[in-house]
Each structure stands twice: as structure tokens, then as C-alpha cells.
PDB file of N, CA and C in Angstrom:
ATOM      1  N   MET A   1      -5.766 -22.753 -35.958  1.00  0.00           N
ATOM      2  CA  MET A   1      -5.890 -21.655 -35.924  1.00  0.00           C
ATOM      3  C   MET A   1      -5.481 -21.697 -34.314  1.00  0.00           C
ATOM      4  N   SER A   2      -4.692 -21.037 -33.475  1.00  0.00           N
ATOM      5  CA  SER A   2      -4.133 -21.392 -32.224  1.00  0.00           C
ATOM      6  C   SER A   2      -5.003 -19.817 -31.358  1.00  0.00           C
ATOM      7  N   ASP A   3      -4.674 -20.264 -29.660  1.00  0.00           N
ATOM      8  CA  ASP A   3      -5.849 -19.234 -29.291  1.00  0.00           C
ATOM      9  C   ASP A   3      -4.208 -18.617 -28.904  1.00  0.00           C
ATOM     10  N   GLU A   4      -3.570 -18.561 -28.925  1.00  0.00           N
ATOM     11  CA  GLU A   4      -1.884 -18.356 -28.084  1.00  0.00           C
ATOM     12  C   GLU A   4      -2.368 -16.128 -28.605  1.00  0.00           C
ATOM     13  N   LEU A   5      -2.119 -15.734 -27.810  1.00  0.00           N
ATOM     14  CA  LEU A   5      -1.224 -14.535 -28.349  1.00  0.00           C
ATOM     15  C   LEU A   5      -0.003 -14.457 -28.381  1.00  0.00           C
ATOM     16  N   THR A   6       0.325 -13.064 -29.307  1.00  0.00           N
ATOM     17  CA  THR A   6       1.556 -12.749 -29.382  1.00  0.00           C
ATOM     18  C   THR A   6       2.262 -11.299 -28.410  1.00  0.00           C
ATOM     19  N   PRO A   7       3.597 -12.099 -28.977  1.00  0.00           N
ATOM     20  CA  PRO A   7       3.808 -11.026 -27.620  1.00  0.00           C
ATOM     21  C   PRO A   7       3.481  -9.297 -28.097  1.00  0.00           C
ATOM     22  N   ALA A   8       2.961  -8.846 -29.144  1.00  0.00           N
ATOM     23  CA  ALA A   8       2.516  -7.628 -29.670  1.00  0.00           C
ATOM     24  C   ALA A   8       1.054  -7.726 -28.615  1.00  0.00           C
ATOM     25  N   GLN A   9       0.558  -9.072 -28.838  1.00  0.00           N
ATOM     26  CA  GLN A   9      -1.480  -9.039 -28.821  1.00  0.00           C
ATOM     27  C   GLN A   9      -1.238  -9.368 -27.623  1.00  0.00           C
ATOM     28  N   ARG A  10      -0.690  -9.789 -26.529  1.00  0.00           N
ATOM     29  CA  ARG A  10      -0.205  -9.512 -24.453  1.00  0.00           C
ATOM     30  C   ARG A  10      -0.544  -8.051 -24.361  1.00  0.00           C
ATOM     31  N   THR A  11       0.966  -7.875 -24.771  1.00  0.00           N
ATOM     32  CA  THR A  11       0.711  -6.638 -24.870  1.00  0.00           C
ATOM     33  C   THR A  11      -0.108  -5.658 -24.544  1.00  0.00           C
ATOM     34  N   LEU A  12      -0.521  -5.613 -25.398  1.00  0.00           N
ATOM     35  CA  LEU A  12      -2.251  -4.885 -25.767  1.00  0.00           C
ATOM     36  C   LEU A  12      -3.516  -5.487 -24.570  1.00  0.00           C
ATOM     37  N   ARG A  13      -3.306  -6.582 -24.661  1.00  0.00           N
ATOM     38  CA  ARG A  13      -4.513  -7.306 -24.242  1.00  0.00           C
ATOM     39  C   ARG A  13      -3.932  -6.450 -22.589  1.00  0.00           C
ATOM     40  N   ALA A  14      -3.085  -6.379 -22.097  1.00  0.00           N
ATOM     41  CA  ALA A  14      -2.693  -5.920 -20.415  1.00  0.00           C
ATOM     42  C   ALA A  14      -2.739  -4.716 -20.488  1.00  0.00           C
ATOM     43  N   LYS A  15      -2.396  -3.341 -21.717  1.00  0.00           N
ATOM     44  CA  LYS A  15      -2.727  -2.250 -21.676  1.00  0.00           C
ATOM     45  C   LYS A  15      -4.163  -1.762 -21.363  1.00  0.00           C
ATOM     46  N   LEU A  16      -5.424  -2.666 -22.535  1.00  0.00           N
ATOM     47  CA  LEU A  16      -6.544  -2.372 -21.718  1.00  0.00           C
ATOM     48  C   LEU A  16      -7.144  -2.750 -20.955  1.00  0.00           C
ATOM     49  N   GLY A  17      -6.299  -3.530 -20.053  1.00  0.00           N
ATOM     50  CA  GLY A  17      -6.817  -3.038 -18.803  1.00  0.00           C
ATOM     51  C   GLY A  17      -6.271  -3.063 -18.151  1.00  0.00           C
ATOM     52  N   ALA A  18      -4.937  -2.509 -17.957  1.00  0.00           N
ATOM     53  CA  ALA A  18      -4.421  -1.152 -17.288  1.00  0.00           C
ATOM     54  C   ALA A  18      -5.563   0.134 -17.156  1.00  0.00           C
ATOM     55  N   TYR A  19      -5.516   0.096 -18.346  1.00  0.00           N
ATOM     56  CA  TYR A  19      -6.581   1.660 -19.464  1.00  0.00           C
ATOM     57  C   TYR A  19      -7.942   2.142 -18.094  1.00  0.00           C
ATOM     58  N   ALA A  20      -8.938   0.301 -18.640  1.00  0.00           N
ATOM     59  CA  ALA A  20      -9.993   0.277 -17.762  1.00  0.00           C
ATOM     60  C   ALA A  20      -9.761   0.389 -16.594  1.00  0.00           C
ATOM     61  N   SER A  21      -8.632  -0.375 -16.223  1.00  0.00           N
ATOM     62  CA  SER A  21      -8.533  -0.589 -14.441  1.00  0.00           C
ATOM     63  C   SER A  21      -8.292   1.173 -13.736  1.00  0.00           C
ATOM     64  N   TRP A  22      -7.773   2.231 -14.318  1.00  0.00           N
ATOM     65  CA  TRP A  22      -7.470   3.526 -13.427  1.00  0.00           C
ATOM     66  C   TRP A  22      -8.534   4.378 -14.300  1.00  0.00           C
ATOM     67  N   ALA A  23      -9.920   3.628 -15.062  1.00  0.00           N
ATOM     68  CA  ALA A  23     -10.428   4.379 -15.391  1.00  0.00           C
ATOM     69  C   ALA A  23     -11.413   4.790 -14.162  1.00  0.00           C
ATOM     70  N   ASN A  24     -11.392   3.188 -13.665  1.00  0.00           N
ATOM     71  CA  ASN A  24     -12.697   3.105 -13.219  1.00  0.00           C
ATOM     72  C   ASN A  24     -11.878   3.740 -11.314  1.00  0.00           C
ATOM     73  N   THR A  25     -10.886   4.274 -11.204  1.00  0.00           N
ATOM     74  CA  THR A  25      -9.642   3.772 -10.117  1.00  0.00           C
ATOM     75  C   THR A  25     -10.363   5.731  -9.627  1.00  0.00           C
ATOM     76  N   THR A  26     -11.485   6.068  -8.189  1.00  0.00           N
ATOM     77  CA  THR A  26     -11.623   7.057  -8.376  1.00  0.00           C
ATOM     78  C   THR A  26     -10.783   7.599  -7.445  1.00  0.00           C
ATOM     79  N   ASN A  27      -9.913   7.189  -6.660  1.00  0.00           N
ATOM     80  CA  ASN A  27      -8.727   7.807  -5.437  1.00  0.00           C
ATOM     81  C   ASN A  27      -7.272   7.121  -5.773  1.00  0.00           C
ATOM     82  N   ARG A  28      -6.982   7.223  -7.070  1.00  0.00           N
ATOM     83  CA  ARG A  28      -5.812   7.064  -7.682  1.00  0.00           C
ATOM     84  C   ARG A  28      -4.496   7.473  -6.424  1.00  0.00           C
ATOM     85  N   THR A  29      -3.949   8.149  -5.740  1.00  0.00           N
ATOM     86  CA  THR A  29      -3.137   8.316  -4.673  1.00  0.00           C
ATOM     87  C   THR A  29      -3.261   7.594  -3.954  1.00  0.00           C
ATOM     88  N   ALA A  30      -4.797   6.999  -3.262  1.00  0.00           N
ATOM     89  CA  ALA A  30      -4.961   5.481  -2.099  1.00  0.00           C
ATOM     90  C   ALA A  30      -4.537   4.681  -2.389  1.00  0.00           C
ATOM     91  N   ARG A  31      -4.377   3.894  -4.620  1.00  0.00           N
ATOM     92  CA  ARG A  31      -4.420   3.249  -5.187  1.00  0.00           C
ATOM     93  C   ARG A  31      -3.144   2.973  -4.507  1.00  0.00           C
ATOM     94  N   THR A  32      -2.714   4.073  -4.875  1.00  0.00           N
ATOM     95  CA  THR A  32      -0.920   4.050  -4.954  1.00  0.00           C
ATOM     96  C   THR A  32      -0.306   3.762  -4.071  1.00  0.00           C
ATOM     97  N   ASP A  33      -0.825   4.832  -2.690  1.00  0.00           N
ATOM     98  CA  ASP A  33      -0.229   4.490  -1.379  1.00  0.00           C
ATOM     99  C   ASP A  33       0.363   3.449  -0.747  1.00  0.00           C
ATOM    100  N   ALA A  34       0.669   2.338  -0.930  1.00  0.00           N
ATOM    101  CA  ALA A  34       0.763   1.641  -0.366  1.00  0.00           C
ATOM    102  C   ALA A  34       2.650   1.279  -1.339  1.00  0.00           C
ATOM    103  N   ALA A  35       2.221   1.486  -2.128  1.00  0.00           N
ATOM    104  CA  ALA A  35       4.417   1.856  -3.140  1.00  0.00           C
ATOM    105  C   ALA A  35       4.525   2.584  -3.077  1.00  0.00           C
ATOM    106  N   ARG A  36       4.061   3.715  -2.960  1.00  0.00           N
ATOM    107  CA  ARG A  36       5.293   4.710  -2.094  1.00  0.00           C
ATOM    108  C   ARG A  36       5.787   3.815  -1.337  1.00  0.00           C
ATOM    109  N   LYS A  37       4.750   3.666  -0.286  1.00  0.00           N
ATOM    110  CA  LYS A  37       5.908   3.915   1.053  1.00  0.00           C
ATOM    111  C   LYS A  37       6.521   2.945   1.166  1.00  0.00           C
ATOM    112  N   ALA A  38       6.189   1.479   0.462  1.00  0.00           N
ATOM    113  CA  ALA A  38       7.151   0.628   0.307  1.00  0.00           C
ATOM    114  C   ALA A  38       9.207   1.110  -0.579  1.00  0.00           C
ATOM    115  N   ALA A  39       8.503   2.023  -1.078  1.00  0.00           N
ATOM    116  CA  ALA A  39       9.951   2.527  -2.115  1.00  0.00           C
ATOM    117  C   ALA A  39      10.362   3.221  -1.061  1.00  0.00           C
ATOM    118  N   LYS A  40       9.708   4.421  -0.475  1.00  0.00           N
ATOM    119  CA  LYS A  40      10.666   4.865   0.597  1.00  0.00           C
ATOM    120  C   LYS A  40      11.092   3.801   1.527  1.00  0.00           C
ATOM    121  N   ASN A  41      10.391   2.715   2.062  1.00  0.00           N
ATOM    122  CA  ASN A  41      10.763   2.646   2.784  1.00  0.00           C
ATOM    123  C   ASN A  41      12.211   1.709   2.672  1.00  0.00           C
ATOM    124  N   ARG A  42      12.122   0.896   1.428  1.00  0.00           N
ATOM    125  CA  ARG A  42      13.255   0.552   0.902  1.00  0.00           C
ATOM    126  C   ARG A  42      14.401   1.378   0.968  1.00  0.00           C
ATOM    127  N   PHE A  43      14.738   2.783   0.691  1.00  0.00           N
ATOM    128  CA  PHE A  43      15.701   3.688   1.106  1.00  0.00           C
ATOM    129  C   PHE A  43      16.031   3.371   2.216  1.00  0.00           C
ATOM    130  N   ARG A  44      15.033   3.164   3.186  1.00  0.00           N
ATOM    131  CA  ARG A  44      14.464   4.301   4.566  1.00  0.00           C
ATOM    132  C   ARG A  44      16.338   2.581   4.588  1.00  0.00           C
ATOM    133  N   VAL A  45      15.381   1.583   4.506  1.00  0.00           N
ATOM    134  CA  VAL A  45      16.230   0.250   5.251  1.00  0.00           C
ATOM    135  C   VAL A  45      17.927   0.108   4.687  1.00  0.00           C
ATOM    136  N   LEU A  46      17.776   0.853   2.722  1.00  0.00           N
ATOM    137  CA  LEU A  46      19.270   0.834   2.910  1.00  0.00           C
ATOM    138  C   LEU A  46      20.649   1.737   3.361  1.00  0.00           C
ATOM    139  N   ALA A  47      19.025   2.886   4.144  1.00  0.00           N
ATOM    140  CA  ALA A  47      20.290   3.719   4.804  1.00  0.00           C
ATOM    141  C   ALA A  47      21.459   3.769   5.892  1.00  0.00           C
ATOM    142  N   ASP A  48      19.586   2.794   6.835  1.00  0.00           N
ATOM    143  CA  ASP A  48      20.390   2.003   8.062  1.00  0.00           C
ATOM    144  C   ASP A  48      19.836   0.851   7.950  1.00  0.00           C
ATOM    145  N   PRO A  49      21.145  -0.088   7.702  1.00  0.00           N
ATOM    146  CA  PRO A  49      20.373  -1.567   7.750  1.00  0.00           C
ATOM    147  C   PRO A  49      20.281  -2.638   9.256  1.00  0.00           C
ATOM    148  N   ASP A  50      20.784  -1.878   9.376  1.00  0.00           N
ATOM    149  CA  ASP A  50      20.587  -2.261  11.610  1.00  0.00           C
ATOM    150  C   ASP A  50      20.124  -1.405  12.634  1.00  0.00           C
ATOM    151  N   GLY A  51      19.755  -0.768  12.097  1.00  0.00           N
ATOM    152  CA  GLY A  51      18.611  -0.309  12.662  1.00  0.00           C
ATOM    153  C   GLY A  51      18.848   0.911  13.774  1.00  0.00           C
ATOM    154  N   VAL A  52      19.930   1.662  13.533  1.00  0.00           N
ATOM    155  CA  VAL A  52      21.528   1.790  14.306  1.00  0.00           C
ATOM    156  C   VAL A  52      21.132   3.738  14.834  1.00  0.00           C
ATOM    157  N   LEU A  53      20.779   4.115  13.533  1.00  0.00           N
ATOM    158  CA  LEU A  53      20.719   5.846  13.606  1.00  0.00           C
ATOM    159  C   LEU A  53      19.660   6.125  13.788  1.00  0.00           C
ATOM    160  N   PRO A  54      19.898   7.149  14.417  1.00  0.00           N
ATOM    161  CA  PRO A  54      18.862   8.279  14.445  1.00  0.00           C
ATOM    162  C   PRO A  54      18.270   8.622  13.649  1.00  0.00           C
ATOM    163  N   PRO A  55      16.993   9.090  13.734  1.00  0.00           N
ATOM    164  CA  PRO A  55      15.591   8.843  12.644  1.00  0.00           C
ATOM    165  C   PRO A  55      15.670   9.516  11.564  1.00  0.00           C
ATOM    166  N   GLU A  56      16.745  11.410  11.893  1.00  0.00           N
ATOM    167  CA  GLU A  56      16.735  12.105  11.484  1.00  0.00           C
ATOM    168  C   GLU A  56      17.688  11.815  10.605  1.00  0.00           C
ATOM    169  N   MET A  57      19.160  11.400  10.608  1.00  0.00           N
ATOM    170  CA  MET A  57      19.816  10.864   9.497  1.00  0.00           C
ATOM    171  C   MET A  57      19.537  10.164   9.420  1.00  0.00           C
ATOM    172  N   VAL A  58      18.747   9.274   9.056  1.00  0.00           N
ATOM    173  CA  VAL A  58      17.909   8.027   8.446  1.00  0.00           C
ATOM    174  C   VAL A  58      17.125   8.633   7.241  1.00  0.00           C
ATOM    175  N   GLU A  59      16.566   9.629   7.924  1.00  0.00           N
ATOM    176  CA  GLU A  59      15.592   9.876   6.003  1.00  0.00           C
ATOM    177  C   GLU A  59      17.018  11.283   5.548  1.00  0.00           C
ATOM    178  N   GLU A  60      17.406  11.181   6.184  1.00  0.00           N
ATOM    179  CA  GLU A  60      18.470  12.591   5.405  1.00  0.00           C
ATOM    180  C   GLU A  60      19.358  11.666   4.618  1.00  0.00           C
ATOM    181  N   ARG A  61      19.416  10.152   4.924  1.00  0.00           N
ATOM    182  CA  ARG A  61      20.358   9.385   3.500  1.00  0.00           C
ATOM    183  C   ARG A  61      19.813   8.571   2.758  1.00  0.00           C
ATOM    184  N   ALA A  62      18.168   8.562   3.449  1.00  0.00           N
ATOM    185  CA  ALA A  62      17.712   7.341   2.543  1.00  0.00           C
ATOM    186  C   ALA A  62      17.630   8.487   1.516  1.00  0.00           C
ATOM    187  N   GLN A  63      17.003  10.029   1.911  1.00  0.00           N
ATOM    188  CA  GLN A  63      16.583  10.730   0.567  1.00  0.00           C
ATOM    189  C   GLN A  63      17.936  10.462  -0.611  1.00  0.00           C
ATOM    190  N   ALA A  64      19.021  10.827   0.739  1.00  0.00           N
ATOM    191  CA  ALA A  64      20.825  11.156  -0.727  1.00  0.00           C
ATOM    192  C   ALA A  64      20.114   9.924  -1.454  1.00  0.00           C
ATOM    193  N   LEU A  65      19.835   8.660  -0.620  1.00  0.00           N
ATOM    194  CA  LEU A  65      19.722   7.436  -1.931  1.00  0.00           C
ATOM    195  C   LEU A  65      18.694   7.490  -2.819  1.00  0.00           C
ATOM    196  N   GLU A  66      17.380   7.707  -2.328  1.00  0.00           N
ATOM    197  CA  GLU A  66      16.498   7.314  -3.291  1.00  0.00           C
ATOM    198  C   GLU A  66      16.838   9.259  -4.534  1.00  0.00           C
ATOM    199  N   ARG A  67      17.881  10.470  -4.599  1.00  0.00           N
ATOM    200  CA  ARG A  67      17.922  11.258  -5.226  1.00  0.00           C
ATOM    201  C   ARG A  67      19.221  10.467  -6.070  1.00  0.00           C
ATOM    202  N   GLU A  68      20.010   9.548  -5.276  1.00  0.00           N
ATOM    203  CA  GLU A  68      21.000   8.803  -6.641  1.00  0.00           C
ATOM    204  C   GLU A  68      20.984   7.801  -7.557  1.00  0.00           C
ATOM    205  N   HIS A  69      19.587   6.904  -6.552  1.00  0.00           N
ATOM    206  CA  HIS A  69      18.590   6.111  -7.734  1.00  0.00           C
ATOM    207  C   HIS A  69      17.946   6.559  -8.495  1.00  0.00           C
ATOM    208  N   TYR A  70      16.974   8.053  -8.639  1.00  0.00           N
ATOM    209  CA  TYR A  70      16.622   8.622 -10.305  1.00  0.00           C
ATOM    210  C   TYR A  70      17.308   8.958 -10.271  1.00  0.00           C
ATOM    211  N   THR A  71      18.557   9.780 -10.232  1.00  0.00           N
ATOM    212  CA  THR A  71      19.745  10.363 -11.455  1.00  0.00           C
ATOM    213  C   THR A  71      19.984   9.039 -11.326  1.00  0.00           C
ATOM    214  N   ARG A  72      20.115   8.311 -11.286  1.00  0.00           N
ATOM    215  CA  ARG A  72      20.799   7.282 -12.588  1.00  0.00           C
ATOM    216  C   ARG A  72      20.247   6.732 -13.618  1.00  0.00           C
ATOM    217  N   MET A  73      19.181   6.542 -12.777  1.00  0.00           N
ATOM    218  CA  MET A  73      18.121   6.296 -13.104  1.00  0.00           C
ATOM    219  C   MET A  73      17.452   6.486 -14.195  1.00  0.00           C
ATOM    220  N   ALA A  74      17.408   8.093 -14.598  1.00  0.00           N
ATOM    221  CA  ALA A  74      17.974   9.543 -15.692  1.00  0.00           C
ATOM    222  C   ALA A  74      18.621   9.162 -16.656  1.00  0.00           C
ATOM    223  N   PHE A  75      19.639   9.029 -16.172  1.00  0.00           N
ATOM    224  CA  PHE A  75      21.464   8.936 -16.416  1.00  0.00           C
ATOM    225  C   PHE A  75      21.831   7.649 -17.719  1.00  0.00           C
ATOM    226  N   LEU A  76      21.098   5.791 -17.020  1.00  0.00           N
ATOM    227  CA  LEU A  76      21.178   5.429 -18.284  1.00  0.00           C
ATOM    228  C   LEU A  76      19.981   5.638 -19.030  1.00  0.00           C
ATOM    229  N   SER A  77      18.725   6.183 -18.671  1.00  0.00           N
ATOM    230  CA  SER A  77      17.767   6.113 -19.844  1.00  0.00           C
ATOM    231  C   SER A  77      18.409   6.771 -21.234  1.00  0.00           C
ATOM    232  N   ALA A  78      19.545   8.149 -20.806  1.00  0.00           N
ATOM    233  CA  ALA A  78      19.687   9.359 -21.895  1.00  0.00           C
ATOM    234  C   ALA A  78      20.442   8.450 -22.279  1.00  0.00           C
ATOM    235  N   LYS A  79      21.569   7.862 -21.820  1.00  0.00           N
ATOM    236  CA  LYS A  79      22.420   7.125 -22.177  1.00  0.00           C
ATOM    237  C   LYS A  79      21.520   6.185 -23.733  1.00  0.00           C
ATOM    238  N   SER A  80      21.251   5.474 -23.430  1.00  0.00           N
ATOM    239  CA  SER A  80      19.817   4.396 -24.114  1.00  0.00           C
ATOM    240  C   SER A  80      19.897   5.747 -25.168  1.00  0.00           C
ATOM    241  N   ARG A  81      18.790   6.572 -24.971  1.00  0.00           N
ATOM    242  CA  ARG A  81      17.831   6.815 -25.946  1.00  0.00           C
ATOM    243  C   ARG A  81      19.708   8.082 -27.296  1.00  0.00           C
ATOM    244  N   GLN A  82      20.809   7.744 -26.958  1.00  0.00           N
ATOM    245  CA  GLN A  82      21.334   8.100 -27.046  1.00  0.00           C
ATOM    246  C   GLN A  82      21.625   7.314 -28.393  1.00  0.00           C
ATOM    247  N   ARG A  83      21.621   6.132 -27.980  1.00  0.00           N
ATOM    248  CA  ARG A  83      22.522   4.960 -28.597  1.00  0.00           C
ATOM    249  C   ARG A  83      21.792   4.247 -29.685  1.00  0.00           C
ATOM    250  N   GLY A  84      20.077   4.710 -28.743  1.00  0.00           N
ATOM    251  CA  GLY A  84      18.874   4.732 -29.647  1.00  0.00           C
ATOM    252  C   GLY A  84      19.031   5.391 -31.457  1.00  0.00           C
ATOM    253  N   SER A  85      19.394   6.591 -30.911  1.00  0.00           N
ATOM    254  CA  SER A  85      19.547   7.908 -31.841  1.00  0.00           C
ATOM    255  C   SER A  85      20.125   7.627 -32.947  1.00  0.00           C
ATOM    256  N   ARG A  86      21.940   6.952 -32.674  1.00  0.00           N
ATOM    257  CA  ARG A  86      23.294   6.431 -33.625  1.00  0.00           C
ATOM    258  C   ARG A  86      22.490   5.716 -34.202  1.00  0.00           C
ATOM    259  N   THR A  87      21.135   4.875 -33.930  1.00  0.00           N
ATOM    260  CA  THR A  87      21.110   3.418 -35.297  1.00  0.00           C
ATOM    261  C   THR A  87      20.040   3.776 -35.515  1.00  0.00           C
ATOM    262  N   ASP A  88      19.143   4.466 -35.533  1.00  0.00           N
ATOM    263  CA  ASP A  88      18.103   5.274 -35.967  1.00  0.00           C
ATOM    264  C   ASP A  88      18.565   5.595 -37.586  1.00  0.00           C
ATOM    265  N   PRO A  89      17.875   4.939 -38.636  1.00  0.00           N
ATOM    266  CA  PRO A  89      18.753   5.521 -40.083  1.00  0.00           C
ATOM    267  C   PRO A  89      17.908   7.314 -40.245  1.00  0.00           C
TER     268      PRO A  89
END
């Protein structure tokens, strides 16, 4: 018998680890702070790649880019769910 896990078993093992980790996390906000800052910064860099715009304009553009990104994700998710429901019996 092989010790290799199936993809489904690997997924379950990863979920177990993630649930245990989050169960032992006292301050969830602090744990995710670096990731949130990096995500916000990504949009700032996209808004002003050369670093020449005034900070207010960069923030305005970054917020618009962030809204566009998450709206696009929601749109694609809705399309995907709609396609999935058409193939379900």
C-alpha cells in the first residue's frame, strides 16, 4: 500500500491544518495585516507605477482599481455559477 495521498486527501489534510491554525489564532486582524497591506499597496503601484502622482490622486485611482478588480471577480464568479447550474441535472 502506498503512503501517497489522493488529491482529495491532501485537500482534507490542508483544511485540517488551516482550521487548527485559525482556531489557535488569538488576533486574526494582526495575523492578516501584512497581507491586507500588500493587497492595498498593489493597487497603489498599479495606480502610479512611476510614483509621480500626488498621494490623494494615487489613493483615488487605487480605490477605483480595487473596486474594478473585486467587481470583475464577482462578475466572473456569477458567470461561472450560471454555467454550472446549466450543466446540473
